[in-house]
Amino acid sequence: MGRTLTIIAIALAVATTTISVAASVYFSTTAKATPVAAPTPTASPTPSPTPPPPPPPLRDYWTQTKGKAVLPAAAKRMKQVLVMTLPAGRWVLHADLSVYNKGPSDFVGCVIGATGTQNLNAHHTIVGDPTVKGNVGAAPLMAIISETAAVTTKTSTQVFVKCEHDNAHGSAPYIDAGADLWAHQSAYLVKLGA
């Protein structure tokens, strides 16, 4: 009986091995290989264009008088009160002036201008003592005159403020110390109106 069991055990072992080998051969001969795509070559990056250099920073120029500027005693004689030189560019100009007159009241006017354009903008006021003979009407002893203008310059240009008064009555109005002229550079200056 022991021999019979041994033979059965050997037969079972041979059968199991045959099935295992057959299954292994079956799977290995029926399996299909999946093709693997070759890696796509990476395109070299396109160099980005070099950005243009940034524009130079916008500038502001400012100047101020140190002392008073007495206007000529004669009528309608312009006196330069403020001046500055600006490089080429687009500019918004502004000036503020305190005008005094201790004599008979008179009209005082100031203009803001540039080389080639003597009058970009002008304003007038009346100042002086209305009780003195020769006056031209009621007025305060002091008033403010302001001018604003816009200009585009192709080359280095002088901008200025000049003032005068209308009548010769023996007194001379003056522009007080601290009058100022400011120039603001604009990237995109748009002038509207006539």
N, C-alpha and C. Protein backbone atom coordinates (compact mmCIF):
# COMPACT_ATOMS: atom_id res chain seq x y z
N MET A 1 0.82 -1.17 0.00
CA MET A 1 0.00 0.00 0.00
C MET A 1 0.87 1.24 0.00
N GLY A 2 1.98 1.19 0.71
CA GLY A 2 2.87 2.33 0.72
C GLY A 2 3.42 2.62 -0.65
N ARG A 3 3.66 1.57 -1.42
CA ARG A 3 4.19 1.78 -2.74
C ARG A 3 3.16 2.40 -3.64
N THR A 4 1.94 2.03 -3.48
CA THR A 4 0.86 2.55 -4.30
C THR A 4 0.71 4.03 -4.04
N LEU A 5 0.77 4.43 -2.79
CA LEU A 5 0.64 5.84 -2.45
C LEU A 5 1.80 6.65 -3.03
N THR A 6 2.96 6.09 -3.01
CA THR A 6 4.11 6.78 -3.56
C THR A 6 3.93 6.99 -5.06
N ILE A 7 3.43 6.00 -5.77
CA ILE A 7 3.23 6.11 -7.21
C ILE A 7 2.16 7.15 -7.49
N ILE A 8 1.10 7.17 -6.69
CA ILE A 8 0.03 8.15 -6.90
C ILE A 8 0.57 9.56 -6.66
N ALA A 9 1.39 9.71 -5.63
CA ALA A 9 1.95 11.02 -5.31
C ALA A 9 2.85 11.48 -6.43
N ILE A 10 3.64 10.54 -7.03
CA ILE A 10 4.53 10.90 -8.14
C ILE A 10 3.70 11.27 -9.34
N ALA A 11 2.63 10.55 -9.60
CA ALA A 11 1.77 10.82 -10.76
C ALA A 11 1.12 12.18 -10.61
N LEU A 12 0.67 12.48 -9.42
CA LEU A 12 0.05 13.79 -9.18
C LEU A 12 1.06 14.90 -9.38
N ALA A 13 2.27 14.72 -8.91
CA ALA A 13 3.29 15.74 -9.04
C ALA A 13 3.63 15.96 -10.50
N VAL A 14 3.71 14.89 -11.29
CA VAL A 14 4.01 15.01 -12.73
C VAL A 14 2.86 15.72 -13.42
N ALA A 15 1.64 15.37 -13.08
CA ALA A 15 0.46 15.99 -13.73
C ALA A 15 0.41 17.48 -13.41
N THR A 16 0.66 17.83 -12.16
CA THR A 16 0.61 19.23 -11.75
C THR A 16 1.70 20.03 -12.47
N THR A 17 2.86 19.48 -12.59
CA THR A 17 3.96 20.16 -13.27
C THR A 17 3.64 20.33 -14.73
N THR A 18 3.04 19.32 -15.36
CA THR A 18 2.71 19.39 -16.79
C THR A 18 1.69 20.48 -17.03
N ILE A 19 0.67 20.53 -16.14
CA ILE A 19 -0.35 21.58 -16.30
C ILE A 19 0.29 22.94 -16.12
N SER A 20 1.14 23.09 -15.14
CA SER A 20 1.78 24.35 -14.87
C SER A 20 2.64 24.78 -16.03
N VAL A 21 3.43 23.85 -16.59
CA VAL A 21 4.31 24.17 -17.71
C VAL A 21 3.47 24.51 -18.93
N ALA A 22 2.39 23.76 -19.15
CA ALA A 22 1.53 24.01 -20.32
C ALA A 22 0.89 25.38 -20.21
N ALA A 23 0.42 25.70 -19.02
CA ALA A 23 -0.21 27.01 -18.83
C ALA A 23 0.81 28.11 -19.02
N SER A 24 2.01 27.91 -18.53
CA SER A 24 3.04 28.91 -18.67
C SER A 24 3.40 29.11 -20.12
N VAL A 25 3.51 28.01 -20.89
CA VAL A 25 3.83 28.11 -22.31
C VAL A 25 2.69 28.78 -23.04
N TYR A 26 1.45 28.40 -22.67
CA TYR A 26 0.29 28.99 -23.33
C TYR A 26 0.29 30.52 -23.15
N PHE A 27 0.47 30.97 -21.92
CA PHE A 27 0.43 32.42 -21.68
C PHE A 27 1.60 33.13 -22.35
N SER A 28 2.75 32.54 -22.39
CA SER A 28 3.88 33.23 -22.96
C SER A 28 3.81 33.26 -24.47
N THR A 29 3.14 32.30 -25.10
CA THR A 29 3.07 32.31 -26.55
C THR A 29 1.89 33.11 -27.06
N THR A 30 0.90 33.37 -26.21
CA THR A 30 -0.27 34.13 -26.69
C THR A 30 -0.20 35.60 -26.31
N ALA A 31 0.67 35.96 -25.42
CA ALA A 31 0.77 37.36 -25.01
C ALA A 31 1.31 38.19 -26.16
N LYS A 32 0.72 39.35 -26.36
CA LYS A 32 1.16 40.23 -27.44
C LYS A 32 1.81 41.45 -26.82
N ALA A 33 2.89 41.84 -27.42
CA ALA A 33 3.63 43.01 -26.92
C ALA A 33 2.95 44.28 -27.39
N THR A 34 2.81 45.23 -26.49
CA THR A 34 2.26 46.55 -26.85
C THR A 34 3.42 47.44 -27.26
N PRO A 35 3.38 47.96 -28.50
CA PRO A 35 4.49 48.81 -28.91
C PRO A 35 4.54 50.08 -28.07
N VAL A 36 5.73 50.46 -27.72
CA VAL A 36 5.93 51.69 -26.95
C VAL A 36 6.43 52.76 -27.91
N ALA A 37 5.73 53.91 -27.90
CA ALA A 37 6.13 54.99 -28.81
C ALA A 37 7.47 55.56 -28.37
N ALA A 38 8.25 55.92 -29.37
CA ALA A 38 9.54 56.54 -29.07
C ALA A 38 9.28 57.92 -28.47
N PRO A 39 10.08 58.36 -27.53
CA PRO A 39 9.85 59.67 -26.92
C PRO A 39 9.97 60.78 -27.97
N THR A 40 9.02 61.72 -27.90
CA THR A 40 9.03 62.86 -28.82
C THR A 40 10.14 63.80 -28.43
N PRO A 41 10.97 64.16 -29.38
CA PRO A 41 12.05 65.10 -29.02
C PRO A 41 11.47 66.45 -28.62
N THR A 42 11.98 67.03 -27.57
CA THR A 42 11.51 68.32 -27.09
C THR A 42 12.11 69.42 -27.97
N ALA A 43 11.21 70.28 -28.49
CA ALA A 43 11.69 71.38 -29.33
C ALA A 43 12.43 72.38 -28.45
N SER A 44 13.49 72.90 -28.98
CA SER A 44 14.23 73.90 -28.20
C SER A 44 13.36 75.15 -28.08
N PRO A 45 13.31 75.77 -26.89
CA PRO A 45 12.43 76.92 -26.70
C PRO A 45 12.82 78.08 -27.62
N THR A 46 11.78 78.73 -28.16
CA THR A 46 12.02 79.89 -29.01
C THR A 46 12.43 81.06 -28.12
N PRO A 47 13.54 81.67 -28.42
CA PRO A 47 13.95 82.80 -27.56
C PRO A 47 12.93 83.93 -27.67
N SER A 48 12.54 84.49 -26.53
CA SER A 48 11.58 85.61 -26.54
C SER A 48 12.31 86.88 -26.97
N PRO A 49 11.58 87.76 -27.68
CA PRO A 49 12.25 88.99 -28.14
C PRO A 49 12.69 89.84 -26.96
N THR A 50 13.77 90.53 -27.16
CA THR A 50 14.28 91.41 -26.11
C THR A 50 13.38 92.62 -25.99
N PRO A 51 12.83 92.88 -24.80
CA PRO A 51 11.93 94.04 -24.67
C PRO A 51 12.69 95.34 -24.88
N PRO A 52 12.00 96.36 -25.42
CA PRO A 52 12.68 97.64 -25.61
C PRO A 52 13.02 98.26 -24.25
N PRO A 53 14.03 99.08 -24.21
CA PRO A 53 14.37 99.70 -22.92
C PRO A 53 13.25 100.62 -22.47
N PRO A 54 13.04 100.75 -21.17
CA PRO A 54 11.95 101.61 -20.69
C PRO A 54 12.25 103.06 -21.04
N PRO A 55 11.19 103.86 -21.22
CA PRO A 55 11.43 105.28 -21.51
C PRO A 55 12.05 105.95 -20.29
N PRO A 56 12.75 107.05 -20.51
CA PRO A 56 13.33 107.75 -19.36
C PRO A 56 12.21 108.25 -18.45
N PRO A 57 12.49 108.36 -17.17
CA PRO A 57 11.43 108.81 -16.26
C PRO A 57 11.00 110.24 -16.58
N LEU A 58 9.73 110.51 -16.35
CA LEU A 58 9.21 111.86 -16.55
C LEU A 58 9.79 112.78 -15.48
N ARG A 59 9.96 114.03 -15.84
CA ARG A 59 10.60 114.98 -14.92
C ARG A 59 9.69 116.17 -14.66
N ASP A 60 9.92 116.80 -13.53
CA ASP A 60 9.28 118.06 -13.19
C ASP A 60 10.38 119.07 -12.91
N TYR A 61 10.17 120.28 -13.38
CA TYR A 61 11.11 121.37 -13.12
C TYR A 61 10.35 122.46 -12.36
N TRP A 62 11.03 123.12 -11.43
CA TRP A 62 10.39 124.15 -10.63
C TRP A 62 11.41 125.21 -10.29
N THR A 63 10.98 126.46 -10.33
CA THR A 63 11.85 127.55 -9.93
C THR A 63 11.03 128.60 -9.19
N GLN A 64 11.71 129.42 -8.39
CA GLN A 64 11.03 130.40 -7.56
C GLN A 64 11.90 131.65 -7.43
N THR A 65 11.24 132.81 -7.38
CA THR A 65 11.99 134.06 -7.20
C THR A 65 12.44 134.20 -5.75
N LYS A 66 13.62 134.81 -5.56
CA LYS A 66 14.16 135.02 -4.21
C LYS A 66 13.76 136.38 -3.65
N GLY A 67 13.60 137.35 -4.53
CA GLY A 67 13.24 138.70 -4.08
C GLY A 67 12.10 139.24 -4.92
N LYS A 68 11.63 140.44 -4.58
CA LYS A 68 10.53 141.01 -5.36
C LYS A 68 11.04 141.53 -6.70
N ALA A 69 10.15 141.54 -7.69
CA ALA A 69 10.48 142.03 -9.02
C ALA A 69 9.61 143.26 -9.28
N VAL A 70 10.23 144.45 -9.22
CA VAL A 70 9.50 145.69 -9.43
C VAL A 70 9.29 145.89 -10.94
N LEU A 71 8.05 146.15 -11.33
CA LEU A 71 7.75 146.37 -12.75
C LEU A 71 8.19 147.77 -13.15
N PRO A 72 8.52 148.00 -14.42
CA PRO A 72 8.94 149.33 -14.86
C PRO A 72 7.84 150.37 -14.58
N ALA A 73 8.26 151.60 -14.29
CA ALA A 73 7.29 152.67 -14.03
C ALA A 73 6.48 153.00 -15.28
N ALA A 74 7.10 152.86 -16.45
CA ALA A 74 6.39 153.14 -17.70
C ALA A 74 5.34 152.07 -17.95
N ALA A 75 4.25 152.44 -18.62
CA ALA A 75 3.15 151.52 -18.89
C ALA A 75 3.51 150.53 -19.99
N LYS A 76 2.95 149.35 -19.86
CA LYS A 76 3.04 148.30 -20.88
C LYS A 76 4.48 147.94 -21.28
N ARG A 77 5.34 147.89 -20.30
CA ARG A 77 6.73 147.44 -20.52
C ARG A 77 6.90 146.10 -19.80
N MET A 78 7.03 145.05 -20.57
CA MET A 78 7.15 143.70 -20.00
C MET A 78 8.47 143.54 -19.25
N LYS A 79 8.38 142.88 -18.10
CA LYS A 79 9.58 142.52 -17.34
C LYS A 79 9.55 141.02 -17.09
N GLN A 80 10.66 140.35 -17.40
CA GLN A 80 10.74 138.92 -17.14
C GLN A 80 10.91 138.68 -15.65
N VAL A 81 10.03 137.86 -15.11
CA VAL A 81 10.03 137.58 -13.66
C VAL A 81 10.62 136.21 -13.37
N LEU A 82 10.30 135.24 -14.20
CA LEU A 82 10.76 133.86 -14.01
C LEU A 82 11.19 133.28 -15.35
N VAL A 83 12.19 132.39 -15.32
CA VAL A 83 12.63 131.72 -16.55
C VAL A 83 13.27 130.39 -16.18
N MET A 84 13.10 129.39 -17.05
CA MET A 84 13.80 128.11 -16.90
C MET A 84 13.98 127.50 -18.28
N THR A 85 14.96 126.63 -18.41
CA THR A 85 15.23 125.94 -19.67
C THR A 85 14.79 124.49 -19.53
N LEU A 86 13.98 124.05 -20.50
CA LEU A 86 13.45 122.69 -20.49
C LEU A 86 14.01 121.90 -21.66
N PRO A 87 14.25 120.59 -21.48
CA PRO A 87 14.64 119.76 -22.62
C PRO A 87 13.42 119.50 -23.51
N ALA A 88 13.67 118.89 -24.66
CA ALA A 88 12.56 118.55 -25.56
C ALA A 88 11.56 117.66 -24.83
N GLY A 89 10.28 117.85 -25.12
CA GLY A 89 9.25 117.02 -24.49
C GLY A 89 7.88 117.68 -24.53
N ARG A 90 6.94 117.04 -23.85
CA ARG A 90 5.58 117.57 -23.71
C ARG A 90 5.46 118.11 -22.29
N TRP A 91 5.02 119.35 -22.16
CA TRP A 91 5.06 120.02 -20.85
C TRP A 91 3.75 120.71 -20.53
N VAL A 92 3.36 120.59 -19.27
CA VAL A 92 2.27 121.41 -18.73
C VAL A 92 2.94 122.42 -17.80
N LEU A 93 2.71 123.70 -18.06
CA LEU A 93 3.35 124.78 -17.32
C LEU A 93 2.35 125.46 -16.41
N HIS A 94 2.83 125.90 -15.25
CA HIS A 94 1.95 126.63 -14.33
C HIS A 94 2.79 127.63 -13.53
N ALA A 95 2.23 128.82 -13.35
CA ALA A 95 2.91 129.86 -12.56
C ALA A 95 1.91 130.50 -11.60
N ASP A 96 2.40 130.86 -10.41
CA ASP A 96 1.62 131.60 -9.41
C ASP A 96 2.44 132.80 -8.97
N LEU A 97 1.79 133.97 -8.96
CA LEU A 97 2.50 135.21 -8.58
C LEU A 97 1.60 136.05 -7.69
N SER A 98 2.18 136.63 -6.65
CA SER A 98 1.48 137.60 -5.80
C SER A 98 1.85 139.01 -6.29
N VAL A 99 0.84 139.81 -6.64
CA VAL A 99 1.05 141.14 -7.20
C VAL A 99 0.64 142.19 -6.16
N TYR A 100 1.54 143.16 -5.89
CA TYR A 100 1.26 144.25 -4.95
C TYR A 100 1.33 145.58 -5.68
N ASN A 101 0.53 146.53 -5.18
CA ASN A 101 0.62 147.90 -5.69
C ASN A 101 0.16 148.84 -4.58
N LYS A 102 1.06 149.68 -4.10
CA LYS A 102 0.71 150.63 -3.04
C LYS A 102 0.29 151.97 -3.63
N GLY A 103 0.43 152.11 -4.96
CA GLY A 103 0.02 153.37 -5.61
C GLY A 103 -1.41 153.28 -6.10
N PRO A 104 -1.79 154.19 -7.02
CA PRO A 104 -3.14 154.18 -7.56
C PRO A 104 -3.45 152.83 -8.20
N SER A 105 -4.67 152.37 -8.08
CA SER A 105 -5.02 151.05 -8.63
C SER A 105 -4.73 151.00 -10.13
N ASP A 106 -4.26 149.83 -10.56
CA ASP A 106 -3.84 149.67 -11.95
C ASP A 106 -4.04 148.21 -12.36
N PHE A 107 -4.19 147.98 -13.64
CA PHE A 107 -4.28 146.62 -14.17
C PHE A 107 -2.88 146.07 -14.35
N VAL A 108 -2.65 144.88 -13.80
CA VAL A 108 -1.37 144.19 -13.95
C VAL A 108 -1.65 142.87 -14.66
N GLY A 109 -0.83 142.56 -15.65
CA GLY A 109 -1.00 141.31 -16.39
C GLY A 109 0.30 140.55 -16.49
N CYS A 110 0.20 139.24 -16.52
CA CYS A 110 1.37 138.38 -16.67
C CYS A 110 1.09 137.35 -17.76
N VAL A 111 2.13 136.99 -18.51
CA VAL A 111 2.01 135.97 -19.55
C VAL A 111 2.99 134.85 -19.24
N ILE A 112 2.61 133.65 -19.64
CA ILE A 112 3.52 132.52 -19.60
C ILE A 112 3.80 132.19 -21.05
N GLY A 113 5.08 132.07 -21.40
CA GLY A 113 5.45 131.86 -22.80
C GLY A 113 6.66 130.97 -22.93
N ALA A 114 7.04 130.73 -24.18
CA ALA A 114 8.20 129.90 -24.49
C ALA A 114 8.90 130.49 -25.70
N THR A 115 10.12 130.06 -25.90
CA THR A 115 10.87 130.51 -27.07
C THR A 115 10.03 130.24 -28.32
N GLY A 116 9.79 131.24 -29.10
CA GLY A 116 8.99 131.08 -30.31
C GLY A 116 7.52 131.35 -30.11
N THR A 117 7.02 131.28 -28.89
CA THR A 117 5.61 131.58 -28.60
C THR A 117 5.59 132.45 -27.36
N GLN A 118 5.54 133.75 -27.56
CA GLN A 118 5.68 134.68 -26.45
C GLN A 118 4.49 134.66 -25.48
N ASN A 119 3.33 134.23 -25.95
CA ASN A 119 2.15 134.26 -25.09
C ASN A 119 1.37 132.96 -25.23
N LEU A 120 1.65 132.01 -24.33
CA LEU A 120 0.87 130.77 -24.31
C LEU A 120 -0.41 130.94 -23.50
N ASN A 121 -0.35 131.82 -22.50
CA ASN A 121 -1.52 132.10 -21.67
C ASN A 121 -1.25 133.38 -20.90
N ALA A 122 -2.30 134.15 -20.63
CA ALA A 122 -2.14 135.42 -19.90
C ALA A 122 -3.34 135.67 -19.01
N HIS A 123 -3.09 136.31 -17.87
CA HIS A 123 -4.17 136.73 -16.97
C HIS A 123 -3.85 138.11 -16.42
N HIS A 124 -4.92 138.84 -16.06
CA HIS A 124 -4.78 140.20 -15.52
C HIS A 124 -5.55 140.31 -14.21
N THR A 125 -5.17 141.27 -13.43
CA THR A 125 -5.91 141.62 -12.22
C THR A 125 -5.75 143.11 -12.00
N ILE A 126 -6.53 143.65 -11.08
CA ILE A 126 -6.39 145.06 -10.73
C ILE A 126 -5.94 145.12 -9.28
N VAL A 127 -4.89 145.90 -9.01
CA VAL A 127 -4.35 146.04 -7.66
C VAL A 127 -3.99 147.50 -7.41
N GLY A 128 -4.04 147.89 -6.15
CA GLY A 128 -3.61 149.25 -5.78
C GLY A 128 -4.61 149.91 -4.86
N ASP A 129 -4.33 151.16 -4.58
CA ASP A 129 -5.15 151.96 -3.65
C ASP A 129 -6.18 152.74 -4.47
N PRO A 130 -7.46 152.43 -4.32
CA PRO A 130 -8.48 153.11 -5.12
C PRO A 130 -8.78 154.54 -4.65
N THR A 131 -8.19 154.94 -3.53
CA THR A 131 -8.45 156.30 -3.03
C THR A 131 -7.43 157.32 -3.55
N VAL A 132 -6.39 156.84 -4.20
CA VAL A 132 -5.32 157.72 -4.69
C VAL A 132 -5.68 158.21 -6.09
N LYS A 133 -5.36 159.48 -6.37
CA LYS A 133 -5.63 160.09 -7.67
C LYS A 133 -4.98 159.27 -8.79
N GLY A 134 -5.71 159.09 -9.88
CA GLY A 134 -5.21 158.34 -11.03
C GLY A 134 -5.58 156.88 -11.00
N ASN A 135 -6.34 156.46 -10.00
CA ASN A 135 -6.70 155.05 -9.92
C ASN A 135 -7.66 154.68 -11.06
N VAL A 136 -7.74 153.38 -11.34
CA VAL A 136 -8.63 152.90 -12.41
C VAL A 136 -9.82 152.11 -11.85
N GLY A 137 -10.06 152.21 -10.57
CA GLY A 137 -11.22 151.53 -9.99
C GLY A 137 -10.89 150.85 -8.68
N ALA A 138 -11.93 150.31 -8.06
CA ALA A 138 -11.78 149.60 -6.78
C ALA A 138 -10.86 148.41 -6.94
N ALA A 139 -9.98 148.23 -5.95
CA ALA A 139 -9.00 147.14 -6.05
C ALA A 139 -8.41 146.84 -4.68
N PRO A 140 -7.91 145.61 -4.48
CA PRO A 140 -7.14 145.30 -3.27
C PRO A 140 -5.69 145.73 -3.48
N LEU A 141 -4.96 145.83 -2.40
CA LEU A 141 -3.54 146.15 -2.53
C LEU A 141 -2.72 144.96 -3.04
N MET A 142 -3.26 143.76 -2.87
CA MET A 142 -2.55 142.54 -3.31
C MET A 142 -3.55 141.60 -3.98
N ALA A 143 -3.08 140.89 -5.01
CA ALA A 143 -3.91 139.88 -5.69
C ALA A 143 -2.98 138.77 -6.22
N ILE A 144 -3.58 137.67 -6.57
CA ILE A 144 -2.83 136.52 -7.11
C ILE A 144 -3.12 136.41 -8.61
N ILE A 145 -2.09 136.19 -9.38
CA ILE A 145 -2.23 135.88 -10.81
C ILE A 145 -1.65 134.49 -11.03
N SER A 146 -2.39 133.66 -11.75
CA SER A 146 -1.91 132.32 -12.11
C SER A 146 -2.08 132.12 -13.61
N GLU A 147 -1.16 131.39 -14.20
CA GLU A 147 -1.26 131.02 -15.60
C GLU A 147 -0.95 129.53 -15.73
N THR A 148 -1.65 128.88 -16.66
CA THR A 148 -1.39 127.48 -16.98
C THR A 148 -1.36 127.35 -18.49
N ALA A 149 -0.42 126.59 -19.01
CA ALA A 149 -0.31 126.40 -20.45
C ALA A 149 0.28 125.03 -20.74
N ALA A 150 0.15 124.60 -21.98
CA ALA A 150 0.74 123.33 -22.42
C ALA A 150 1.56 123.61 -23.67
N VAL A 151 2.71 122.95 -23.76
CA VAL A 151 3.60 123.16 -24.90
C VAL A 151 4.37 121.87 -25.18
N THR A 152 4.60 121.61 -26.47
CA THR A 152 5.45 120.50 -26.89
C THR A 152 6.68 121.10 -27.55
N THR A 153 7.85 120.73 -27.05
CA THR A 153 9.10 121.30 -27.58
C THR A 153 9.91 120.22 -28.26
N LYS A 154 10.51 120.56 -29.39
CA LYS A 154 11.33 119.61 -30.15
C LYS A 154 12.79 119.67 -29.71
N THR A 155 13.21 120.80 -29.17
CA THR A 155 14.59 120.98 -28.71
C THR A 155 14.56 121.67 -27.36
N SER A 156 15.70 121.86 -26.79
CA SER A 156 15.81 122.59 -25.52
C SER A 156 15.20 123.99 -25.70
N THR A 157 14.33 124.38 -24.77
CA THR A 157 13.54 125.61 -24.91
C THR A 157 13.46 126.35 -23.59
N GLN A 158 13.49 127.67 -23.67
CA GLN A 158 13.26 128.49 -22.48
C GLN A 158 11.76 128.76 -22.34
N VAL A 159 11.26 128.61 -21.10
CA VAL A 159 9.90 129.04 -20.78
C VAL A 159 10.03 130.14 -19.73
N PHE A 160 9.06 131.05 -19.71
CA PHE A 160 9.22 132.23 -18.87
C PHE A 160 7.86 132.79 -18.46
N VAL A 161 7.90 133.66 -17.48
CA VAL A 161 6.75 134.48 -17.08
C VAL A 161 7.20 135.93 -17.14
N LYS A 162 6.43 136.76 -17.83
CA LYS A 162 6.70 138.19 -17.92
C LYS A 162 5.45 138.94 -17.47
N CYS A 163 5.66 140.10 -16.84
CA CYS A 163 4.54 140.89 -16.34
C CYS A 163 4.69 142.37 -16.73
N GLU A 164 3.56 143.07 -16.76
CA GLU A 164 3.53 144.52 -17.05
C GLU A 164 2.29 145.11 -16.38
N HIS A 165 2.20 146.46 -16.39
CA HIS A 165 0.99 147.12 -15.90
C HIS A 165 0.55 148.14 -16.95
N ASP A 166 -0.71 148.55 -16.89
CA ASP A 166 -1.31 149.31 -17.99
C ASP A 166 -1.07 150.81 -17.96
N ASN A 167 -0.93 151.42 -16.79
CA ASN A 167 -0.90 152.88 -16.71
C ASN A 167 0.36 153.38 -16.00
N ALA A 168 0.79 154.56 -16.40
CA ALA A 168 1.94 155.20 -15.76
C ALA A 168 1.42 156.32 -14.86
N HIS A 169 1.24 156.01 -13.57
CA HIS A 169 0.70 156.99 -12.62
C HIS A 169 1.72 157.33 -11.54
N GLY A 170 2.96 157.07 -11.81
CA GLY A 170 3.99 157.39 -10.84
C GLY A 170 4.23 156.31 -9.81
N SER A 171 3.56 155.17 -9.93
CA SER A 171 3.84 154.07 -9.01
C SER A 171 4.21 152.84 -9.82
N ALA A 172 4.89 151.95 -9.20
CA ALA A 172 5.31 150.73 -9.89
C ALA A 172 4.85 149.52 -9.10
N PRO A 173 3.85 148.78 -9.61
CA PRO A 173 3.47 147.53 -8.96
C PRO A 173 4.66 146.57 -8.97
N TYR A 174 4.63 145.59 -8.08
CA TYR A 174 5.72 144.62 -8.07
C TYR A 174 5.18 143.21 -7.81
N ILE A 175 5.98 142.24 -8.25
CA ILE A 175 5.69 140.82 -8.01
C ILE A 175 6.48 140.43 -6.76
N ASP A 176 5.77 139.94 -5.78
CA ASP A 176 6.40 139.62 -4.50
C ASP A 176 7.33 138.42 -4.64
N ALA A 177 8.30 138.35 -3.73
CA ALA A 177 9.21 137.19 -3.67
C ALA A 177 8.39 135.92 -3.46
N GLY A 178 8.89 134.83 -4.02
CA GLY A 178 8.19 133.54 -3.89
C GLY A 178 7.32 133.20 -5.08
N ALA A 179 7.30 134.05 -6.11
CA ALA A 179 6.58 133.68 -7.33
C ALA A 179 7.23 132.42 -7.88
N ASP A 180 6.42 131.51 -8.41
CA ASP A 180 7.02 130.26 -8.88
C ASP A 180 6.50 129.84 -10.24
N LEU A 181 7.33 129.04 -10.91
CA LEU A 181 7.03 128.49 -12.23
C LEU A 181 7.33 127.00 -12.17
N TRP A 182 6.35 126.21 -12.60
CA TRP A 182 6.47 124.76 -12.52
C TRP A 182 6.24 124.19 -13.91
N ALA A 183 7.06 123.20 -14.32
CA ALA A 183 6.90 122.50 -15.59
C ALA A 183 6.80 121.02 -15.30
N HIS A 184 5.68 120.42 -15.69
CA HIS A 184 5.45 118.99 -15.49
C HIS A 184 5.51 118.29 -16.84
N GLN A 185 6.40 117.30 -16.96
CA GLN A 185 6.52 116.57 -18.22
C GLN A 185 5.42 115.52 -18.31
N SER A 186 4.80 115.43 -19.49
CA SER A 186 3.69 114.52 -19.70
C SER A 186 4.05 113.50 -20.76
N ALA A 187 3.69 112.22 -20.54
CA ALA A 187 3.96 111.19 -21.54
C ALA A 187 3.02 111.34 -22.74
N TYR A 188 1.78 111.72 -22.49
CA TYR A 188 0.77 111.84 -23.54
C TYR A 188 -0.01 113.12 -23.34
N LEU A 189 0.46 114.18 -23.93
CA LEU A 189 -0.19 115.49 -23.77
C LEU A 189 -1.25 115.64 -24.84
N VAL A 190 -2.48 115.88 -24.42
CA VAL A 190 -3.58 116.11 -25.34
C VAL A 190 -4.10 117.51 -25.09
N LYS A 191 -4.00 118.37 -26.10
CA LYS A 191 -4.48 119.74 -25.97
C LYS A 191 -5.86 119.81 -26.63
N LEU A 192 -6.83 120.26 -25.89
CA LEU A 192 -8.19 120.37 -26.39
C LEU A 192 -8.56 121.83 -26.58
N GLY A 193 -9.56 122.07 -27.40
CA GLY A 193 -10.04 123.43 -27.59
C GLY A 193 -9.36 124.12 -28.77
N ALA A 194 -9.70 125.40 -28.92
CA ALA A 194 -9.20 126.15 -30.07
C ALA A 194 -7.73 126.46 -29.93
